[in-house]
Amino acid sequence: MKKFGAQSLQTFLYQALSMVLGLACGVIVARYLGPTAKGAIALYGLIAGFLALAGNLGLGLANVHLVGSGQIAPGRAWANSLYMALLTGSLLAVMTIFLFPVLGIIVKRPVDMGLLGIVLCGAPLLLLLDYQINLLRGLGDLAGFNQSGLLRQAGRLLALGLLVAAFKGFVASALWAANFSIALAVLWSGFRLKKKTVLSLVPSWIALK
């Protein structure tokens, strides 16, 4: 019971701190980029979130269940996650490019192909991050799960400050900062997984099915 309480408190504190860092990112965007750029960043962030949701295919939650119940070795589940993130993320990127003219109609505003390209670069990483942090949950590593989320926000804040200052507040800088933060969280969650289990590049087709 004490362990459960400690983990709940830890999760709450990490999420609260992540929220504070997220608000700080919003302040930088609003202060140095302005409301128009803030709206553009929110729009492309929404596109990235939708792609991650559409491409997840339930594998994130499946990782929690399959690894937590011992139905699949964590290392093999990671291999499934890696290949699915690369394949699904790449396919979504290609489909989005082909649907580029339709996308502007859906969001009811012009979509910049260059900015969209930055978002699409981060699609496979965003999927892999979701898969990996759910593997950590399946392994009971709530500290690693929480730290990955916190590191993502901290990395975004740091990169946002540096890139916006260096490139005079371009929207592209803010989007690259988001990609950098995702990559940082992927590396950290991968490091935590490697400490917990032996990672494999051999997928488990039965578990994937």
C-alpha atoms as a PDB file:
ATOM      1  CA  MET A   1       0.000   0.000   0.000  1.00  0.00           C
ATOM      2  CA  LYS A   2       2.851   2.369   0.849  1.00  0.00           C
ATOM      3  CA  LYS A   3       4.532   1.576  -2.465  1.00  0.00           C
ATOM      4  CA  PHE A   4       1.321   2.307  -4.350  1.00  0.00           C
ATOM      5  CA  GLY A   5       0.942   5.627  -2.540  1.00  0.00           C
ATOM      6  CA  ALA A   6       4.554   6.575  -3.248  1.00  0.00           C
ATOM      7  CA  GLN A   7       4.185   5.739  -6.946  1.00  0.00           C
ATOM      8  CA  SER A   8       0.935   7.708  -7.191  1.00  0.00           C
ATOM      9  CA  LEU A   9       2.562  10.728  -5.559  1.00  0.00           C
ATOM     10  CA  GLN A  10       5.601  10.415  -7.817  1.00  0.00           C
ATOM     11  CA  THR A  11       3.403  10.276 -10.914  1.00  0.00           C
ATOM     12  CA  PHE A  12       1.425  13.312  -9.767  1.00  0.00           C
ATOM     13  CA  LEU A  13       4.589  15.332  -9.120  1.00  0.00           C
ATOM     14  CA  TYR A  14       6.129  14.405 -12.475  1.00  0.00           C
ATOM     15  CA  GLN A  15       2.933  15.293 -14.318  1.00  0.00           C
ATOM     16  CA  ALA A  16       2.611  18.585 -12.450  1.00  0.00           C
ATOM     17  CA  LEU A  17       6.200  19.500 -13.299  1.00  0.00           C
ATOM     18  CA  SER A  18       5.644  18.487 -16.920  1.00  0.00           C
ATOM     19  CA  MET A  19       2.629  20.778 -17.021  1.00  0.00           C
ATOM     20  CA  VAL A  20       4.699  23.675 -15.679  1.00  0.00           C
ATOM     21  CA  LEU A  21       7.359  23.071 -18.346  1.00  0.00           C
ATOM     22  CA  GLY A  22       4.644  22.871 -20.996  1.00  0.00           C
ATOM     23  CA  LEU A  23       3.267  26.223 -19.857  1.00  0.00           C
ATOM     24  CA  ALA A  24       6.775  27.688 -20.049  1.00  0.00           C
ATOM     25  CA  CYS A  25       6.996  26.480 -23.658  1.00  0.00           C
ATOM     26  CA  GLY A  26       3.697  28.198 -24.372  1.00  0.00           C
ATOM     27  CA  VAL A  27       4.979  31.430 -22.851  1.00  0.00           C
ATOM     28  CA  ILE A  28       8.082  31.378 -25.082  1.00  0.00           C
ATOM     29  CA  VAL A  29       5.974  30.766 -28.175  1.00  0.00           C
ATOM     30  CA  ALA A  30       3.481  33.495 -27.308  1.00  0.00           C
ATOM     31  CA  ARG A  31       6.184  35.994 -26.299  1.00  0.00           C
ATOM     32  CA  TYR A  32       8.638  35.555 -29.160  1.00  0.00           C
ATOM     33  CA  LEU A  33       6.560  34.164 -32.025  1.00  0.00           C
ATOM     34  CA  GLY A  34       3.207  35.870 -31.576  1.00  0.00           C
ATOM     35  CA  PRO A  35      -0.405  34.625 -31.746  1.00  0.00           C
ATOM     36  CA  THR A  36      -0.350  33.781 -35.467  1.00  0.00           C
ATOM     37  CA  ALA A  37       2.712  31.567 -35.103  1.00  0.00           C
ATOM     38  CA  LYS A  38       1.280  30.054 -31.927  1.00  0.00           C
ATOM     39  CA  GLY A  39      -1.823  29.061 -33.865  1.00  0.00           C
ATOM     40  CA  ALA A  40       0.291  27.527 -36.630  1.00  0.00           C
ATOM     41  CA  ILE A  41       2.346  25.534 -34.120  1.00  0.00           C
ATOM     42  CA  ALA A  42      -0.847  24.306 -32.460  1.00  0.00           C
ATOM     43  CA  LEU A  43      -2.221  23.257 -35.856  1.00  0.00           C
ATOM     44  CA  TYR A  44       0.863  21.250 -36.845  1.00  0.00           C
ATOM     45  CA  GLY A  45       1.033  19.785 -33.362  1.00  0.00           C
ATOM     46  CA  LEU A  46      -2.560  18.646 -33.813  1.00  0.00           C
ATOM     47  CA  ILE A  47      -1.651  17.024 -37.131  1.00  0.00           C
ATOM     48  CA  ALA A  48       1.248  15.187 -35.451  1.00  0.00           C
ATOM     49  CA  GLY A  49      -1.025  14.023 -32.642  1.00  0.00           C
ATOM     50  CA  PHE A  50      -3.649  12.774 -35.092  1.00  0.00           C
ATOM     51  CA  LEU A  51      -1.051  10.835 -37.080  1.00  0.00           C
ATOM     52  CA  ALA A  52       0.269   9.231 -33.883  1.00  0.00           C
ATOM     53  CA  LEU A  53      -3.286   8.304 -32.846  1.00  0.00           C
ATOM     54  CA  ALA A  54      -4.154   6.899 -36.277  1.00  0.00           C
ATOM     55  CA  GLY A  55      -0.889   4.960 -36.567  1.00  0.00           C
ATOM     56  CA  ASN A  56      -0.827   3.546 -33.049  1.00  0.00           C
ATOM     57  CA  LEU A  57      -3.120   0.642 -33.978  1.00  0.00           C
ATOM     58  CA  GLY A  58      -3.482  -0.226 -30.293  1.00  0.00           C
ATOM     59  CA  LEU A  59       0.076  -1.510 -30.021  1.00  0.00           C
ATOM     60  CA  GLY A  60       0.911   0.842 -27.141  1.00  0.00           C
ATOM     61  CA  LEU A  61      -1.776  -0.547 -24.845  1.00  0.00           C
ATOM     62  CA  ALA A  62      -1.127  -4.063 -26.132  1.00  0.00           C
ATOM     63  CA  ASN A  63       2.479  -3.723 -24.963  1.00  0.00           C
ATOM     64  CA  VAL A  64       1.274  -3.004 -21.430  1.00  0.00           C
ATOM     65  CA  HIS A  65      -0.954  -6.074 -21.390  1.00  0.00           C
ATOM     66  CA  LEU A  66       1.259  -8.575 -23.212  1.00  0.00           C
ATOM     67  CA  VAL A  67       4.464  -7.701 -21.370  1.00  0.00           C
ATOM     68  CA  GLY A  68       2.766  -7.217 -17.997  1.00  0.00           C
ATOM     69  CA  SER A  69       1.045 -10.604 -18.231  1.00  0.00           C
ATOM     70  CA  GLY A  70       4.205 -12.348 -19.456  1.00  0.00           C
ATOM     71  CA  GLN A  71       2.726 -13.373 -22.805  1.00  0.00           C
ATOM     72  CA  ILE A  72       5.664 -11.921 -24.738  1.00  0.00           C
ATOM     73  CA  ALA A  73       9.299 -11.282 -23.907  1.00  0.00           C
ATOM     74  CA  PRO A  74       9.882  -7.525 -23.491  1.00  0.00           C
ATOM     75  CA  GLY A  75      12.805  -7.584 -25.924  1.00  0.00           C
ATOM     76  CA  ARG A  76      10.687  -9.139 -28.668  1.00  0.00           C
ATOM     77  CA  ALA A  77       7.882  -6.666 -27.943  1.00  0.00           C
ATOM     78  CA  TRP A  78      10.401  -3.859 -28.430  1.00  0.00           C
ATOM     79  CA  ALA A  79      11.390  -5.307 -31.818  1.00  0.00           C
ATOM     80  CA  ASN A  80       7.722  -5.338 -32.835  1.00  0.00           C
ATOM     81  CA  SER A  81       7.420  -1.736 -31.677  1.00  0.00           C
ATOM     82  CA  LEU A  82      10.511  -0.582 -33.556  1.00  0.00           C
ATOM     83  CA  TYR A  83       9.485  -2.075 -36.889  1.00  0.00           C
ATOM     84  CA  MET A  84       5.855  -0.994 -36.562  1.00  0.00           C
ATOM     85  CA  ALA A  85       6.875   2.575 -35.704  1.00  0.00           C
ATOM     86  CA  LEU A  86       9.170   2.793 -38.726  1.00  0.00           C
ATOM     87  CA  LEU A  87       6.708   1.146 -41.106  1.00  0.00           C
ATOM     88  CA  THR A  88       3.516   2.830 -39.934  1.00  0.00           C
ATOM     89  CA  GLY A  89       5.163   6.228 -39.444  1.00  0.00           C
ATOM     90  CA  SER A  90       6.649   6.137 -42.942  1.00  0.00           C
ATOM     91  CA  LEU A  91       3.373   5.026 -44.536  1.00  0.00           C
ATOM     92  CA  LEU A  92       1.458   7.765 -42.746  1.00  0.00           C
ATOM     93  CA  ALA A  93       4.006  10.323 -43.920  1.00  0.00           C
ATOM     94  CA  VAL A  94       3.649   9.215 -47.547  1.00  0.00           C
ATOM     95  CA  MET A  95      -0.164   9.169 -47.334  1.00  0.00           C
ATOM     96  CA  THR A  96      -0.208  12.634 -45.781  1.00  0.00           C
ATOM     97  CA  ILE A  97       1.953  14.011 -48.589  1.00  0.00           C
ATOM     98  CA  PHE A  98      -0.401  12.558 -51.216  1.00  0.00           C
ATOM     99  CA  LEU A  99      -3.397  13.982 -49.331  1.00  0.00           C
ATOM    100  CA  PHE A 100      -1.692  17.350 -48.944  1.00  0.00           C
ATOM    101  CA  PRO A 101      -4.264  19.283 -51.062  1.00  0.00           C
ATOM    102  CA  VAL A 102      -7.136  17.754 -49.060  1.00  0.00           C
ATOM    103  CA  LEU A 103      -5.460  18.538 -45.749  1.00  0.00           C
ATOM    104  CA  GLY A 104      -5.784  22.273 -46.279  1.00  0.00           C
ATOM    105  CA  ILE A 105      -9.528  21.872 -46.845  1.00  0.00           C
ATOM    106  CA  ILE A 106      -9.923  19.762 -43.691  1.00  0.00           C
ATOM    107  CA  VAL A 107      -8.136  22.212 -41.396  1.00  0.00           C
ATOM    108  CA  LYS A 108      -9.702  25.197 -43.239  1.00  0.00           C
ATOM    109  CA  ARG A 109      -6.422  27.051 -43.735  1.00  0.00           C
ATOM    110  CA  PRO A 110      -3.384  26.818 -46.057  1.00  0.00           C
ATOM    111  CA  VAL A 111      -0.859  24.169 -45.027  1.00  0.00           C
ATOM    112  CA  ASP A 112       2.839  24.835 -45.558  1.00  0.00           C
ATOM    113  CA  MET A 113       4.542  21.802 -47.109  1.00  0.00           C
ATOM    114  CA  GLY A 114       7.872  22.608 -45.494  1.00  0.00           C
ATOM    115  CA  LEU A 115       6.375  22.819 -42.001  1.00  0.00           C
ATOM    116  CA  LEU A 116       4.331  19.692 -42.630  1.00  0.00           C
ATOM    117  CA  GLY A 117       7.526  17.906 -43.660  1.00  0.00           C
ATOM    118  CA  ILE A 118       9.101  18.715 -40.279  1.00  0.00           C
ATOM    119  CA  VAL A 119       6.091  17.229 -38.510  1.00  0.00           C
ATOM    120  CA  LEU A 120       6.208  14.100 -40.683  1.00  0.00           C
ATOM    121  CA  CYS A 121       9.877  13.574 -39.802  1.00  0.00           C
ATOM    122  CA  GLY A 122       8.830  13.140 -36.199  1.00  0.00           C
ATOM    123  CA  ALA A 123       5.934  10.730 -36.867  1.00  0.00           C
ATOM    124  CA  PRO A 124       7.910   7.445 -36.523  1.00  0.00           C
ATOM    125  CA  LEU A 125       9.632   8.750 -33.383  1.00  0.00           C
ATOM    126  CA  LEU A 126       6.319   9.779 -31.842  1.00  0.00           C
ATOM    127  CA  LEU A 127       4.928   6.281 -32.400  1.00  0.00           C
ATOM    128  CA  LEU A 128       8.061   4.621 -31.046  1.00  0.00           C
ATOM    129  CA  LEU A 129       7.936   6.804 -27.935  1.00  0.00           C
ATOM    130  CA  ASP A 130       4.363   5.733 -27.209  1.00  0.00           C
ATOM    131  CA  TYR A 131       5.275   2.069 -27.679  1.00  0.00           C
ATOM    132  CA  GLN A 132       8.365   2.313 -25.479  1.00  0.00           C
ATOM    133  CA  ILE A 133       6.806   4.148 -22.553  1.00  0.00           C
ATOM    134  CA  ASN A 134       3.988   1.604 -22.548  1.00  0.00           C
ATOM    135  CA  LEU A 135       6.583  -1.162 -22.446  1.00  0.00           C
ATOM    136  CA  LEU A 136       7.996   0.538 -19.369  1.00  0.00           C
ATOM    137  CA  ARG A 137       4.523   0.520 -17.837  1.00  0.00           C
ATOM    138  CA  GLY A 138       4.182  -3.175 -18.634  1.00  0.00           C
ATOM    139  CA  LEU A 139       7.477  -3.827 -16.878  1.00  0.00           C
ATOM    140  CA  GLY A 140       6.336  -1.819 -13.860  1.00  0.00           C
ATOM    141  CA  ASP A 141       8.918   0.922 -14.405  1.00  0.00           C
ATOM    142  CA  LEU A 142       6.698   3.883 -13.587  1.00  0.00           C
ATOM    143  CA  ALA A 143       9.733   6.017 -12.787  1.00  0.00           C
ATOM    144  CA  GLY A 144      11.066   5.533 -16.318  1.00  0.00           C
ATOM    145  CA  PHE A 145       7.607   6.193 -17.744  1.00  0.00           C
ATOM    146  CA  ASN A 146       7.276   9.445 -15.809  1.00  0.00           C
ATOM    147  CA  GLN A 147      10.848  10.548 -16.481  1.00  0.00           C
ATOM    148  CA  SER A 148      10.374  10.110 -20.225  1.00  0.00           C
ATOM    149  CA  GLY A 149       7.402  12.474 -20.221  1.00  0.00           C
ATOM    150  CA  LEU A 150       9.224  15.007 -18.079  1.00  0.00           C
ATOM    151  CA  LEU A 151      12.359  14.828 -20.216  1.00  0.00           C
ATOM    152  CA  ARG A 152      10.279  15.404 -23.334  1.00  0.00           C
ATOM    153  CA  GLN A 153       8.886  18.656 -21.946  1.00  0.00           C
ATOM    154  CA  ALA A 154      12.266  19.764 -20.575  1.00  0.00           C
ATOM    155  CA  GLY A 155      13.975  19.006 -23.884  1.00  0.00           C
ATOM    156  CA  ARG A 156      11.337  20.929 -25.781  1.00  0.00           C
ATOM    157  CA  LEU A 157      11.741  23.927 -23.501  1.00  0.00           C
ATOM    158  CA  LEU A 158      15.524  23.914 -23.884  1.00  0.00           C
ATOM    159  CA  ALA A 159      15.465  23.405 -27.658  1.00  0.00           C
ATOM    160  CA  LEU A 160      12.694  25.957 -28.072  1.00  0.00           C
ATOM    161  CA  GLY A 161      14.680  28.609 -26.238  1.00  0.00           C
ATOM    162  CA  LEU A 162      17.875  27.909 -28.167  1.00  0.00           C
ATOM    163  CA  LEU A 163      16.356  27.554 -31.635  1.00  0.00           C
ATOM    164  CA  VAL A 164      13.936  30.463 -31.371  1.00  0.00           C
ATOM    165  CA  ALA A 165      16.765  32.691 -30.124  1.00  0.00           C
ATOM    166  CA  ALA A 166      19.166  31.478 -32.833  1.00  0.00           C
ATOM    167  CA  PHE A 167      16.749  31.672 -35.773  1.00  0.00           C
ATOM    168  CA  LYS A 168      14.761  34.722 -34.736  1.00  0.00           C
ATOM    169  CA  GLY A 169      11.546  32.944 -33.901  1.00  0.00           C
ATOM    170  CA  PHE A 170      10.693  30.946 -37.021  1.00  0.00           C
ATOM    171  CA  VAL A 171       7.772  28.537 -36.670  1.00  0.00           C
ATOM    172  CA  ALA A 172      10.014  25.832 -38.136  1.00  0.00           C
ATOM    173  CA  SER A 173      12.342  26.245 -35.141  1.00  0.00           C
ATOM    174  CA  ALA A 174       9.515  25.463 -32.732  1.00  0.00           C
ATOM    175  CA  LEU A 175       8.520  22.366 -34.720  1.00  0.00           C
ATOM    176  CA  TRP A 176      12.120  21.114 -34.834  1.00  0.00           C
ATOM    177  CA  ALA A 177      12.299  21.698 -31.083  1.00  0.00           C
ATOM    178  CA  ALA A 178       9.300  19.386 -30.667  1.00  0.00           C
ATOM    179  CA  ASN A 179      10.996  16.699 -32.773  1.00  0.00           C
ATOM    180  CA  PHE A 180      14.182  17.060 -30.745  1.00  0.00           C
ATOM    181  CA  SER A 181      12.268  16.604 -27.501  1.00  0.00           C
ATOM    182  CA  ILE A 182      10.569  13.470 -28.828  1.00  0.00           C
ATOM    183  CA  ALA A 183      13.928  12.004 -29.900  1.00  0.00           C
ATOM    184  CA  LEU A 184      15.357  12.769 -26.460  1.00  0.00           C
ATOM    185  CA  ALA A 185      12.466  10.974 -24.750  1.00  0.00           C
ATOM    186  CA  VAL A 186      12.838   8.011 -27.131  1.00  0.00           C
ATOM    187  CA  LEU A 187      16.523   7.678 -26.228  1.00  0.00           C
ATOM    188  CA  TRP A 188      15.817   7.883 -22.505  1.00  0.00           C
ATOM    189  CA  SER A 189      12.934   5.402 -22.558  1.00  0.00           C
ATOM    190  CA  GLY A 190      15.075   3.072 -24.699  1.00  0.00           C
ATOM    191  CA  PHE A 191      17.884   3.366 -22.159  1.00  0.00           C
ATOM    192  CA  ARG A 192      15.492   2.489 -19.330  1.00  0.00           C
ATOM    193  CA  LEU A 193      14.230  -0.505 -21.284  1.00  0.00           C
ATOM    194  CA  LYS A 194      17.770  -1.726 -21.897  1.00  0.00           C
ATOM    195  CA  LYS A 195      18.418  -1.583 -18.151  1.00  0.00           C
ATOM    196  CA  LYS A 196      15.314  -3.698 -17.537  1.00  0.00           C
ATOM    197  CA  THR A 197      15.652  -6.321 -20.251  1.00  0.00           C
ATOM    198  CA  VAL A 198      17.702  -7.543 -23.195  1.00  0.00           C
ATOM    199  CA  LEU A 199      16.448  -5.853 -26.352  1.00  0.00           C
ATOM    200  CA  SER A 200      16.088  -7.879 -29.519  1.00  0.00           C
ATOM    201  CA  LEU A 201      15.797  -7.081 -33.214  1.00  0.00           C
ATOM    202  CA  VAL A 202      13.829 -10.290 -33.833  1.00  0.00           C
ATOM    203  CA  PRO A 203      10.067  -9.611 -33.861  1.00  0.00           C
ATOM    204  CA  SER A 204       7.408 -11.916 -32.443  1.00  0.00           C
ATOM    205  CA  TRP A 205       4.930 -12.439 -35.262  1.00  0.00           C
ATOM    206  CA  ILE A 206       2.431 -14.276 -33.056  1.00  0.00           C
ATOM    207  CA  ALA A 207       2.350 -11.472 -30.509  1.00  0.00           C
ATOM    208  CA  LEU A 208       2.171  -8.866 -33.261  1.00  0.00           C
ATOM    209  CA  LYS A 209      -0.879 -10.567 -34.714  1.00  0.00           C
END
